[in-house]
Amino acid sequence: QNQLSAWQQNNANSQSLLGGLLGFGGQLAALSDKRAKKEIEKVGELKGHGLYEYRYKGQHDDGKRHIGVMAQEVEKMRPDAVSRRPDGLRQVDYGKLFNAGRKK
């Protein structure tokens, strides 16, 4: 019972964090290229992927701090979740990346 309870709490926490990651306008694919970020600090992990807090650089800078993954890291483990934007920067499909039990 305790193990089940701990698993349920951990799962709820992961879902809450994932919901927060996906809370940026309902987009599943987000600019995740390390080259577009500054002030990068690792703050944790989710399902084996590093989570970082950062600000965007240049034209992408909205003045806010964000939390997310680095596309270059994700690409090593889950290349199917990473694509290139027309400007050449990488983006990560968070829905594909964190879809439990669907790794190929």
PDB file of N, CA and C in Angstrom:
ATOM      1  N   GLN A   1       0.825  -1.190   0.000  1.00  0.00           N
ATOM      2  CA  GLN A   1       0.000   0.000   0.000  1.00  0.00           C
ATOM      3  C   GLN A   1       0.875   1.262   0.000  1.00  0.00           C
ATOM      4  N   ASN A   2       1.920   1.266   0.827  1.00  0.00           N
ATOM      5  CA  ASN A   2       2.808   2.428   0.878  1.00  0.00           C
ATOM      6  C   ASN A   2       3.520   2.643  -0.447  1.00  0.00           C
ATOM      7  N   GLN A   3       3.953   1.546  -1.076  1.00  0.00           N
ATOM      8  CA  GLN A   3       4.634   1.661  -2.361  1.00  0.00           C
ATOM      9  C   GLN A   3       3.689   2.215  -3.428  1.00  0.00           C
ATOM     10  N   LEU A   4       2.458   1.724  -3.418  1.00  0.00           N
ATOM     11  CA  LEU A   4       1.467   2.215  -4.379  1.00  0.00           C
ATOM     12  C   LEU A   4       1.205   3.702  -4.150  1.00  0.00           C
ATOM     13  N   SER A   5       1.067   4.072  -2.900  1.00  0.00           N
ATOM     14  CA  SER A   5       0.836   5.472  -2.559  1.00  0.00           C
ATOM     15  C   SER A   5       1.998   6.348  -3.016  1.00  0.00           C
ATOM     16  N   ALA A   6       3.229   5.901  -2.786  1.00  0.00           N
ATOM     17  CA  ALA A   6       4.418   6.654  -3.204  1.00  0.00           C
ATOM     18  C   ALA A   6       4.463   6.769  -4.722  1.00  0.00           C
ATOM     19  N   TRP A   7       4.143   5.675  -5.423  1.00  0.00           N
ATOM     20  CA  TRP A   7       4.143   5.701  -6.890  1.00  0.00           C
ATOM     21  C   TRP A   7       3.099   6.689  -7.407  1.00  0.00           C
ATOM     22  N   GLN A   8       1.904   6.655  -6.806  1.00  0.00           N
ATOM     23  CA  GLN A   8       0.837   7.561  -7.240  1.00  0.00           C
ATOM     24  C   GLN A   8       1.231   9.020  -7.023  1.00  0.00           C
ATOM     25  N   GLN A   9       1.878   9.311  -5.890  1.00  0.00           N
ATOM     26  CA  GLN A   9       2.311  10.685  -5.616  1.00  0.00           C
ATOM     27  C   GLN A   9       3.381  11.120  -6.613  1.00  0.00           C
ATOM     28  N   ASN A  10       4.340  10.220  -6.880  1.00  0.00           N
ATOM     29  CA  ASN A  10       5.401  10.534  -7.836  1.00  0.00           C
ATOM     30  C   ASN A  10       4.811  10.770  -9.226  1.00  0.00           C
ATOM     31  N   ASN A  11       3.879   9.934  -9.621  1.00  0.00           N
ATOM     32  CA  ASN A  11       3.220  10.074 -10.920  1.00  0.00           C
ATOM     33  C   ASN A  11       2.440  11.385 -10.994  1.00  0.00           C
ATOM     34  N   ALA A  12       1.745  11.739  -9.917  1.00  0.00           N
ATOM     35  CA  ALA A  12       0.993  12.997  -9.890  1.00  0.00           C
ATOM     36  C   ALA A  12       1.940  14.186 -10.007  1.00  0.00           C
ATOM     37  N   ASN A  13       3.082  14.115  -9.315  1.00  0.00           N
ATOM     38  CA  ASN A  13       4.060  15.197  -9.399  1.00  0.00           C
ATOM     39  C   ASN A  13       4.603  15.329 -10.814  1.00  0.00           C
ATOM     40  N   SER A  14       4.909  14.194 -11.455  1.00  0.00           N
ATOM     41  CA  SER A  14       5.414  14.216 -12.829  1.00  0.00           C
ATOM     42  C   SER A  14       4.379  14.803 -13.777  1.00  0.00           C
ATOM     43  N   GLN A  15       3.128  14.415 -13.615  1.00  0.00           N
ATOM     44  CA  GLN A  15       2.064  14.917 -14.484  1.00  0.00           C
ATOM     45  C   GLN A  15       1.865  16.413 -14.285  1.00  0.00           C
ATOM     46  N   SER A  16       1.986  16.863 -13.030  1.00  0.00           N
ATOM     47  CA  SER A  16       1.844  18.284 -12.740  1.00  0.00           C
ATOM     48  C   SER A  16       2.960  19.076 -13.398  1.00  0.00           C
ATOM     49  N   LEU A  17       4.190  18.583 -13.286  1.00  0.00           N
ATOM     50  CA  LEU A  17       5.325  19.255 -13.911  1.00  0.00           C
ATOM     51  C   LEU A  17       5.181  19.245 -15.420  1.00  0.00           C
ATOM     52  N   LEU A  18       4.786  18.105 -15.975  1.00  0.00           N
ATOM     53  CA  LEU A  18       4.592  18.016 -17.417  1.00  0.00           C
ATOM     54  C   LEU A  18       3.495  18.979 -17.862  1.00  0.00           C
ATOM     55  N   GLY A  19       2.433  19.078 -17.086  1.00  0.00           N
ATOM     56  CA  GLY A  19       1.372  20.030 -17.402  1.00  0.00           C
ATOM     57  C   GLY A  19       1.901  21.449 -17.430  1.00  0.00           C
ATOM     58  N   GLY A  20       2.794  21.766 -16.500  1.00  0.00           N
ATOM     59  CA  GLY A  20       3.424  23.084 -16.472  1.00  0.00           C
ATOM     60  C   GLY A  20       4.300  23.311 -17.687  1.00  0.00           C
ATOM     61  N   LEU A  21       5.031  22.282 -18.083  1.00  0.00           N
ATOM     62  CA  LEU A  21       5.887  22.407 -19.264  1.00  0.00           C
ATOM     63  C   LEU A  21       5.050  22.643 -20.513  1.00  0.00           C
ATOM     64  N   LEU A  22       3.883  22.014 -20.549  1.00  0.00           N
ATOM     65  CA  LEU A  22       3.021  22.154 -21.723  1.00  0.00           C
ATOM     66  C   LEU A  22       2.110  23.371 -21.626  1.00  0.00           C
ATOM     67  N   GLY A  23       2.225  24.129 -20.552  1.00  0.00           N
ATOM     68  CA  GLY A  23       1.348  25.260 -20.333  1.00  0.00           C
ATOM     69  C   GLY A  23       1.703  26.502 -21.143  1.00  0.00           C
ATOM     70  N   PHE A  24       2.665  26.428 -22.021  1.00  0.00           N
ATOM     71  CA  PHE A  24       3.064  27.597 -22.801  1.00  0.00           C
ATOM     72  C   PHE A  24       2.252  27.679 -24.075  1.00  0.00           C
ATOM     73  N   GLY A  25       0.989  28.076 -23.920  1.00  0.00           N
ATOM     74  CA  GLY A  25       0.144  28.297 -25.080  1.00  0.00           C
ATOM     75  C   GLY A  25      -0.394  27.020 -25.709  1.00  0.00           C
ATOM     76  N   GLY A  26      -0.327  25.902 -25.005  1.00  0.00           N
ATOM     77  CA  GLY A  26      -0.859  24.661 -25.526  1.00  0.00           C
ATOM     78  C   GLY A  26       0.005  23.999 -26.582  1.00  0.00           C
ATOM     79  N   GLN A  27       1.181  24.568 -26.854  1.00  0.00           N
ATOM     80  CA  GLN A  27       2.067  23.982 -27.848  1.00  0.00           C
ATOM     81  C   GLN A  27       2.667  22.692 -27.312  1.00  0.00           C
ATOM     82  N   LEU A  28       2.764  21.684 -28.157  1.00  0.00           N
ATOM     83  CA  LEU A  28       3.489  20.479 -27.773  1.00  0.00           C
ATOM     84  C   LEU A  28       4.950  20.602 -28.161  1.00  0.00           C
ATOM     85  N   ALA A  29       5.239  21.242 -29.270  1.00  0.00           N
ATOM     86  CA  ALA A  29       6.624  21.414 -29.706  1.00  0.00           C
ATOM     87  C   ALA A  29       7.097  22.794 -29.277  1.00  0.00           C
ATOM     88  N   ALA A  30       8.241  22.814 -28.585  1.00  0.00           N
ATOM     89  CA  ALA A  30       8.761  24.080 -28.078  1.00  0.00           C
ATOM     90  C   ALA A  30      10.224  24.245 -28.446  1.00  0.00           C
ATOM     91  N   LEU A  31      10.625  25.492 -28.653  1.00  0.00           N
ATOM     92  CA  LEU A  31      12.020  25.806 -28.919  1.00  0.00           C
ATOM     93  C   LEU A  31      12.850  25.304 -27.746  1.00  0.00           C
ATOM     94  N   SER A  32      13.722  24.347 -28.005  1.00  0.00           N
ATOM     95  CA  SER A  32      14.487  23.701 -26.946  1.00  0.00           C
ATOM     96  C   SER A  32      15.974  23.665 -27.230  1.00  0.00           C
ATOM     97  N   ASP A  33      16.400  24.347 -28.274  1.00  0.00           N
ATOM     98  CA  ASP A  33      17.797  24.346 -28.676  1.00  0.00           C
ATOM     99  C   ASP A  33      18.640  25.119 -27.667  1.00  0.00           C
ATOM    100  N   LYS A  34      19.707  24.494 -27.211  1.00  0.00           N
ATOM    101  CA  LYS A  34      20.589  25.130 -26.225  1.00  0.00           C
ATOM    102  C   LYS A  34      21.142  26.449 -26.744  1.00  0.00           C
ATOM    103  N   ARG A  35      21.328  26.559 -28.056  1.00  0.00           N
ATOM    104  CA  ARG A  35      21.882  27.781 -28.648  1.00  0.00           C
ATOM    105  C   ARG A  35      20.965  28.984 -28.493  1.00  0.00           C
ATOM    106  N   ALA A  36      19.673  28.754 -28.204  1.00  0.00           N
ATOM    107  CA  ALA A  36      18.705  29.841 -28.064  1.00  0.00           C
ATOM    108  C   ALA A  36      18.487  30.232 -26.602  1.00  0.00           C
ATOM    109  N   LYS A  37      19.303  29.650 -25.696  1.00  0.00           N
ATOM    110  CA  LYS A  37      19.082  29.856 -24.262  1.00  0.00           C
ATOM    111  C   LYS A  37      20.309  30.450 -23.583  1.00  0.00           C
ATOM    112  N   LYS A  38      20.058  31.119 -22.454  1.00  0.00           N
ATOM    113  CA  LYS A  38      21.130  31.681 -21.632  1.00  0.00           C
ATOM    114  C   LYS A  38      20.763  31.486 -20.168  1.00  0.00           C
ATOM    115  N   GLU A  39      21.715  31.723 -19.285  1.00  0.00           N
ATOM    116  CA  GLU A  39      21.491  31.580 -17.842  1.00  0.00           C
ATOM    117  C   GLU A  39      20.887  30.206 -17.532  1.00  0.00           C
ATOM    118  N   ILE A  40      21.495  29.175 -18.079  1.00  0.00           N
ATOM    119  CA  ILE A  40      20.987  27.805 -17.971  1.00  0.00           C
ATOM    120  C   ILE A  40      21.446  27.180 -16.657  1.00  0.00           C
ATOM    121  N   GLU A  41      20.481  26.623 -15.918  1.00  0.00           N
ATOM    122  CA  GLU A  41      20.781  25.969 -14.642  1.00  0.00           C
ATOM    123  C   GLU A  41      19.954  24.692 -14.528  1.00  0.00           C
ATOM    124  N   LYS A  42      20.616  23.568 -14.286  1.00  0.00           N
ATOM    125  CA  LYS A  42      19.892  22.301 -14.129  1.00  0.00           C
ATOM    126  C   LYS A  42      19.119  22.326 -12.819  1.00  0.00           C
ATOM    127  N   VAL A  43      17.836  21.981 -12.888  1.00  0.00           N
ATOM    128  CA  VAL A  43      16.982  22.022 -11.701  1.00  0.00           C
ATOM    129  C   VAL A  43      16.383  20.665 -11.350  1.00  0.00           C
ATOM    130  N   GLY A  44      16.595  19.658 -12.188  1.00  0.00           N
ATOM    131  CA  GLY A  44      16.048  18.339 -11.872  1.00  0.00           C
ATOM    132  C   GLY A  44      16.019  17.437 -13.079  1.00  0.00           C
ATOM    133  N   GLU A  45      15.246  16.357 -12.934  1.00  0.00           N
ATOM    134  CA  GLU A  45      15.066  15.383 -14.011  1.00  0.00           C
ATOM    135  C   GLU A  45      13.621  14.944 -14.044  1.00  0.00           C
ATOM    136  N   LEU A  46      13.176  14.555 -15.218  1.00  0.00           N
ATOM    137  CA  LEU A  46      11.849  13.984 -15.388  1.00  0.00           C
ATOM    138  C   LEU A  46      11.969  12.842 -16.380  1.00  0.00           C
ATOM    139  N   LYS A  47      11.660  11.657 -15.913  1.00  0.00           N
ATOM    140  CA  LYS A  47      11.693  10.452 -16.750  1.00  0.00           C
ATOM    141  C   LYS A  47      13.023  10.307 -17.490  1.00  0.00           C
ATOM    142  N   GLY A  48      14.119  10.560 -16.763  1.00  0.00           N
ATOM    143  CA  GLY A  48      15.450  10.369 -17.330  1.00  0.00           C
ATOM    144  C   GLY A  48      15.985  11.514 -18.166  1.00  0.00           C
ATOM    145  N   HIS A  49      15.256  12.602 -18.258  1.00  0.00           N
ATOM    146  CA  HIS A  49      15.682  13.763 -19.040  1.00  0.00           C
ATOM    147  C   HIS A  49      15.949  14.933 -18.106  1.00  0.00           C
ATOM    148  N   GLY A  50      17.089  15.598 -18.305  1.00  0.00           N
ATOM    149  CA  GLY A  50      17.429  16.754 -17.497  1.00  0.00           C
ATOM    150  C   GLY A  50      16.462  17.901 -17.723  1.00  0.00           C
ATOM    151  N   LEU A  51      16.092  18.551 -16.634  1.00  0.00           N
ATOM    152  CA  LEU A  51      15.248  19.741 -16.711  1.00  0.00           C
ATOM    153  C   LEU A  51      16.085  20.946 -16.303  1.00  0.00           C
ATOM    154  N   TYR A  52      15.938  22.007 -17.047  1.00  0.00           N
ATOM    155  CA  TYR A  52      16.745  23.207 -16.848  1.00  0.00           C
ATOM    156  C   TYR A  52      15.857  24.431 -16.749  1.00  0.00           C
ATOM    157  N   GLU A  53      16.328  25.385 -15.959  1.00  0.00           N
ATOM    158  CA  GLU A  53      15.700  26.696 -15.912  1.00  0.00           C
ATOM    159  C   GLU A  53      16.595  27.623 -16.734  1.00  0.00           C
ATOM    160  N   TYR A  54      16.005  28.499 -17.523  1.00  0.00           N
ATOM    161  CA  TYR A  54      16.781  29.324 -18.442  1.00  0.00           C
ATOM    162  C   TYR A  54      15.959  30.519 -18.905  1.00  0.00           C
ATOM    163  N   ARG A  55      16.642  31.401 -19.599  1.00  0.00           N
ATOM    164  CA  ARG A  55      16.010  32.500 -20.330  1.00  0.00           C
ATOM    165  C   ARG A  55      16.367  32.316 -21.802  1.00  0.00           C
ATOM    166  N   TYR A  56      15.500  32.809 -22.655  1.00  0.00           N
ATOM    167  CA  TYR A  56      15.812  32.777 -24.081  1.00  0.00           C
ATOM    168  C   TYR A  56      16.711  33.957 -24.433  1.00  0.00           C
ATOM    169  N   LYS A  57      17.491  33.800 -25.506  1.00  0.00           N
ATOM    170  CA  LYS A  57      18.364  34.852 -26.012  1.00  0.00           C
ATOM    171  C   LYS A  57      17.668  35.627 -27.129  1.00  0.00           C
ATOM    172  N   GLY A  58      18.186  36.827 -27.388  1.00  0.00           N
ATOM    173  CA  GLY A  58      17.826  37.602 -28.576  1.00  0.00           C
ATOM    174  C   GLY A  58      16.352  37.743 -28.844  1.00  0.00           C
ATOM    175  N   GLN A  59      15.970  37.477 -30.072  1.00  0.00           N
ATOM    176  CA  GLN A  59      14.578  37.681 -30.503  1.00  0.00           C
ATOM    177  C   GLN A  59      13.595  36.786 -29.775  1.00  0.00           C
ATOM    178  N   HIS A  60      14.066  35.712 -29.163  1.00  0.00           N
ATOM    179  CA  HIS A  60      13.185  34.784 -28.445  1.00  0.00           C
ATOM    180  C   HIS A  60      12.997  35.188 -26.988  1.00  0.00           C
ATOM    181  N   ASP A  61      13.773  36.179 -26.513  1.00  0.00           N
ATOM    182  CA  ASP A  61      13.738  36.603 -25.117  1.00  0.00           C
ATOM    183  C   ASP A  61      12.422  37.300 -24.806  1.00  0.00           C
ATOM    184  N   ASP A  62      11.636  36.694 -23.931  1.00  0.00           N
ATOM    185  CA  ASP A  62      10.365  37.296 -23.526  1.00  0.00           C
ATOM    186  C   ASP A  62      10.452  37.866 -22.111  1.00  0.00           C
ATOM    187  N   GLY A  63      11.674  37.899 -21.548  1.00  0.00           N
ATOM    188  CA  GLY A  63      11.869  38.442 -20.216  1.00  0.00           C
ATOM    189  C   GLY A  63      11.518  37.496 -19.089  1.00  0.00           C
ATOM    190  N   LYS A  64      11.110  36.283 -19.410  1.00  0.00           N
ATOM    191  CA  LYS A  64      10.693  35.304 -18.397  1.00  0.00           C
ATOM    192  C   LYS A  64      11.704  34.179 -18.284  1.00  0.00           C
ATOM    193  N   ARG A  65      11.690  33.498 -17.132  1.00  0.00           N
ATOM    194  CA  ARG A  65      12.479  32.277 -16.950  1.00  0.00           C
ATOM    195  C   ARG A  65      11.570  31.107 -17.313  1.00  0.00           C
ATOM    196  N   HIS A  66      12.140  30.119 -17.960  1.00  0.00           N
ATOM    197  CA  HIS A  66      11.390  28.944 -18.403  1.00  0.00           C
ATOM    198  C   HIS A  66      12.032  27.685 -17.837  1.00  0.00           C
ATOM    199  N   ILE A  67      11.294  26.604 -17.859  1.00  0.00           N
ATOM    200  CA  ILE A  67      11.831  25.293 -17.481  1.00  0.00           C
ATOM    201  C   ILE A  67      11.565  24.343 -18.632  1.00  0.00           C
ATOM    202  N   GLY A  68      12.587  23.583 -18.993  1.00  0.00           N
ATOM    203  CA  GLY A  68      12.425  22.622 -20.076  1.00  0.00           C
ATOM    204  C   GLY A  68      13.687  21.810 -20.277  1.00  0.00           C
ATOM    205  N   VAL A  69      13.696  21.055 -21.346  1.00  0.00           N
ATOM    206  CA  VAL A  69      14.821  20.184 -21.692  1.00  0.00           C
ATOM    207  C   VAL A  69      15.711  20.868 -22.711  1.00  0.00           C
ATOM    208  N   MET A  70      16.873  20.273 -22.943  1.00  0.00           N
ATOM    209  CA  MET A  70      17.784  20.746 -23.984  1.00  0.00           C
ATOM    210  C   MET A  70      17.665  19.786 -25.169  1.00  0.00           C
ATOM    211  N   ALA A  71      17.338  20.303 -26.316  1.00  0.00           N
ATOM    212  CA  ALA A  71      17.120  19.469 -27.497  1.00  0.00           C
ATOM    213  C   ALA A  71      18.333  18.606 -27.816  1.00  0.00           C
ATOM    214  N   GLN A  72      19.528  19.151 -27.638  1.00  0.00           N
ATOM    215  CA  GLN A  72      20.735  18.394 -27.967  1.00  0.00           C
ATOM    216  C   GLN A  72      20.870  17.151 -27.082  1.00  0.00           C
ATOM    217  N   GLU A  73      20.440  17.233 -25.822  1.00  0.00           N
ATOM    218  CA  GLU A  73      20.471  16.065 -24.932  1.00  0.00           C
ATOM    219  C   GLU A  73      19.380  15.064 -25.318  1.00  0.00           C
ATOM    220  N   VAL A  74      18.187  15.582 -25.569  1.00  0.00           N
ATOM    221  CA  VAL A  74      17.057  14.721 -25.924  1.00  0.00           C
ATOM    222  C   VAL A  74      17.362  13.955 -27.209  1.00  0.00           C
ATOM    223  N   GLU A  75      17.982  14.629 -28.148  1.00  0.00           N
ATOM    224  CA  GLU A  75      18.275  14.035 -29.453  1.00  0.00           C
ATOM    225  C   GLU A  75      19.111  12.755 -29.335  1.00  0.00           C
ATOM    226  N   LYS A  76      19.963  12.669 -28.307  1.00  0.00           N
ATOM    227  CA  LYS A  76      20.801  11.484 -28.107  1.00  0.00           C
ATOM    228  C   LYS A  76      19.986  10.268 -27.692  1.00  0.00           C
ATOM    229  N   MET A  77      18.928  10.482 -26.906  1.00  0.00           N
ATOM    230  CA  MET A  77      18.115   9.374 -26.404  1.00  0.00           C
ATOM    231  C   MET A  77      16.824   9.177 -27.189  1.00  0.00           C
ATOM    232  N   ARG A  78      16.229  10.259 -27.637  1.00  0.00           N
ATOM    233  CA  ARG A  78      14.936  10.209 -28.319  1.00  0.00           C
ATOM    234  C   ARG A  78      14.927  11.107 -29.554  1.00  0.00           C
ATOM    235  N   PRO A  79      15.685  10.751 -30.583  1.00  0.00           N
ATOM    236  CA  PRO A  79      15.733  11.599 -31.784  1.00  0.00           C
ATOM    237  C   PRO A  79      14.362  11.792 -32.434  1.00  0.00           C
ATOM    238  N   ASP A  80      13.448  10.858 -32.204  1.00  0.00           N
ATOM    239  CA  ASP A  80      12.111  10.968 -32.778  1.00  0.00           C
ATOM    240  C   ASP A  80      11.307  12.120 -32.172  1.00  0.00           C
ATOM    241  N   ALA A  81      11.735  12.652 -31.017  1.00  0.00           N
ATOM    242  CA  ALA A  81      11.018  13.739 -30.355  1.00  0.00           C
ATOM    243  C   ALA A  81      11.587  15.110 -30.704  1.00  0.00           C
ATOM    244  N   VAL A  82      12.645  15.136 -31.538  1.00  0.00           N
ATOM    245  CA  VAL A  82      13.315  16.397 -31.887  1.00  0.00           C
ATOM    246  C   VAL A  82      13.160  16.669 -33.381  1.00  0.00           C
ATOM    247  N   SER A  83      12.871  17.914 -33.702  1.00  0.00           N
ATOM    248  CA  SER A  83      12.804  18.326 -35.111  1.00  0.00           C
ATOM    249  C   SER A  83      13.481  19.688 -35.250  1.00  0.00           C
ATOM    250  N   ARG A  84      13.702  20.073 -36.489  1.00  0.00           N
ATOM    251  CA  ARG A  84      14.329  21.379 -36.761  1.00  0.00           C
ATOM    252  C   ARG A  84      13.280  22.355 -37.267  1.00  0.00           C
ATOM    253  N   ARG A  85      13.384  23.542 -36.768  1.00  0.00           N
ATOM    254  CA  ARG A  85      12.509  24.624 -37.221  1.00  0.00           C
ATOM    255  C   ARG A  85      13.075  25.208 -38.513  1.00  0.00           C
ATOM    256  N   PRO A  86      12.297  26.011 -39.226  1.00  0.00           N
ATOM    257  CA  PRO A  86      12.805  26.644 -40.454  1.00  0.00           C
ATOM    258  C   PRO A  86      14.061  27.489 -40.224  1.00  0.00           C
ATOM    259  N   ASP A  87      14.242  28.017 -39.003  1.00  0.00           N
ATOM    260  CA  ASP A  87      15.430  28.830 -38.714  1.00  0.00           C
ATOM    261  C   ASP A  87      16.643  27.979 -38.326  1.00  0.00           C
ATOM    262  N   GLY A  88      16.492  26.646 -38.358  1.00  0.00           N
ATOM    263  CA  GLY A  88      17.606  25.749 -38.060  1.00  0.00           C
ATOM    264  C   GLY A  88      17.725  25.345 -36.605  1.00  0.00           C
ATOM    265  N   LEU A  89      16.987  25.998 -35.713  1.00  0.00           N
ATOM    266  CA  LEU A  89      17.037  25.643 -34.299  1.00  0.00           C
ATOM    267  C   LEU A  89      16.182  24.403 -34.036  1.00  0.00           C
ATOM    268  N   ARG A  90      16.582  23.652 -33.020  1.00  0.00           N
ATOM    269  CA  ARG A  90      15.862  22.426 -32.691  1.00  0.00           C
ATOM    270  C   ARG A  90      14.685  22.728 -31.761  1.00  0.00           C
ATOM    271  N   GLN A  91      13.653  21.911 -31.921  1.00  0.00           N
ATOM    272  CA  GLN A  91      12.510  21.962 -31.015  1.00  0.00           C
ATOM    273  C   GLN A  91      12.180  20.552 -30.566  1.00  0.00           C
ATOM    274  N   VAL A  92      11.601  20.443 -29.372  1.00  0.00           N
ATOM    275  CA  VAL A  92      11.240  19.143 -28.806  1.00  0.00           C
ATOM    276  C   VAL A  92       9.732  19.045 -28.716  1.00  0.00           C
ATOM    277  N   ASP A  93       9.209  17.923 -29.132  1.00  0.00           N
ATOM    278  CA  ASP A  93       7.790  17.615 -28.990  1.00  0.00           C
ATOM    279  C   ASP A  93       7.620  16.989 -27.609  1.00  0.00           C
ATOM    280  N   TYR A  94       7.188  17.781 -26.641  1.00  0.00           N
ATOM    281  CA  TYR A  94       7.060  17.308 -25.259  1.00  0.00           C
ATOM    282  C   TYR A  94       6.035  16.187 -25.130  1.00  0.00           C
ATOM    283  N   GLY A  95       4.994  16.218 -25.918  1.00  0.00           N
ATOM    284  CA  GLY A  95       3.993  15.155 -25.880  1.00  0.00           C
ATOM    285  C   GLY A  95       4.606  13.819 -26.251  1.00  0.00           C
ATOM    286  N   LYS A  96       5.404  13.811 -27.288  1.00  0.00           N
ATOM    287  CA  LYS A  96       6.074  12.591 -27.728  1.00  0.00           C
ATOM    288  C   LYS A  96       7.152  12.169 -26.724  1.00  0.00           C
ATOM    289  N   LEU A  97       7.907  13.149 -26.217  1.00  0.00           N
ATOM    290  CA  LEU A  97       9.005  12.851 -25.306  1.00  0.00           C
ATOM    291  C   LEU A  97       8.524  12.199 -24.016  1.00  0.00           C
ATOM    292  N   PHE A  98       7.461  12.702 -23.435  1.00  0.00           N
ATOM    293  CA  PHE A  98       7.010  12.215 -22.131  1.00  0.00           C
ATOM    294  C   PHE A  98       5.797  11.311 -22.188  1.00  0.00           C
ATOM    295  N   ASN A  99       5.458  10.810 -23.365  1.00  0.00           N
ATOM    296  CA  ASN A  99       4.327   9.894 -23.490  1.00  0.00           C
ATOM    297  C   ASN A  99       4.736   8.541 -22.920  1.00  0.00           C
ATOM    298  N   ALA A 100       4.295   8.265 -21.719  1.00  0.00           N
ATOM    299  CA  ALA A 100       4.690   7.063 -20.981  1.00  0.00           C
ATOM    300  C   ALA A 100       4.415   5.789 -21.779  1.00  0.00           C
ATOM    301  N   GLY A 101       5.399   4.919 -21.759  1.00  0.00           N
ATOM    302  CA  GLY A 101       5.242   3.606 -22.374  1.00  0.00           C
ATOM    303  C   GLY A 101       5.283   3.583 -23.887  1.00  0.00           C
ATOM    304  N   ARG A 102       5.627   4.703 -24.524  1.00  0.00           N
ATOM    305  CA  ARG A 102       5.597   4.772 -25.984  1.00  0.00           C
ATOM    306  C   ARG A 102       6.971   4.904 -26.602  1.00  0.00           C
ATOM    307  N   LYS A 103       8.034   4.647 -25.833  1.00  0.00           N
ATOM    308  CA  LYS A 103       9.375   4.770 -26.407  1.00  0.00           C
ATOM    309  C   LYS A 103       9.577   3.723 -27.479  1.00  0.00           C
ATOM    310  N   LYS A 104      10.264   4.120 -28.530  1.00  0.00           N
ATOM    311  CA  LYS A 104      10.516   3.204 -29.633  1.00  0.00           C
ATOM    312  C   LYS A 104      11.898   2.662 -29.536  1.00  0.00           C
TER     313      LYS A 104
END
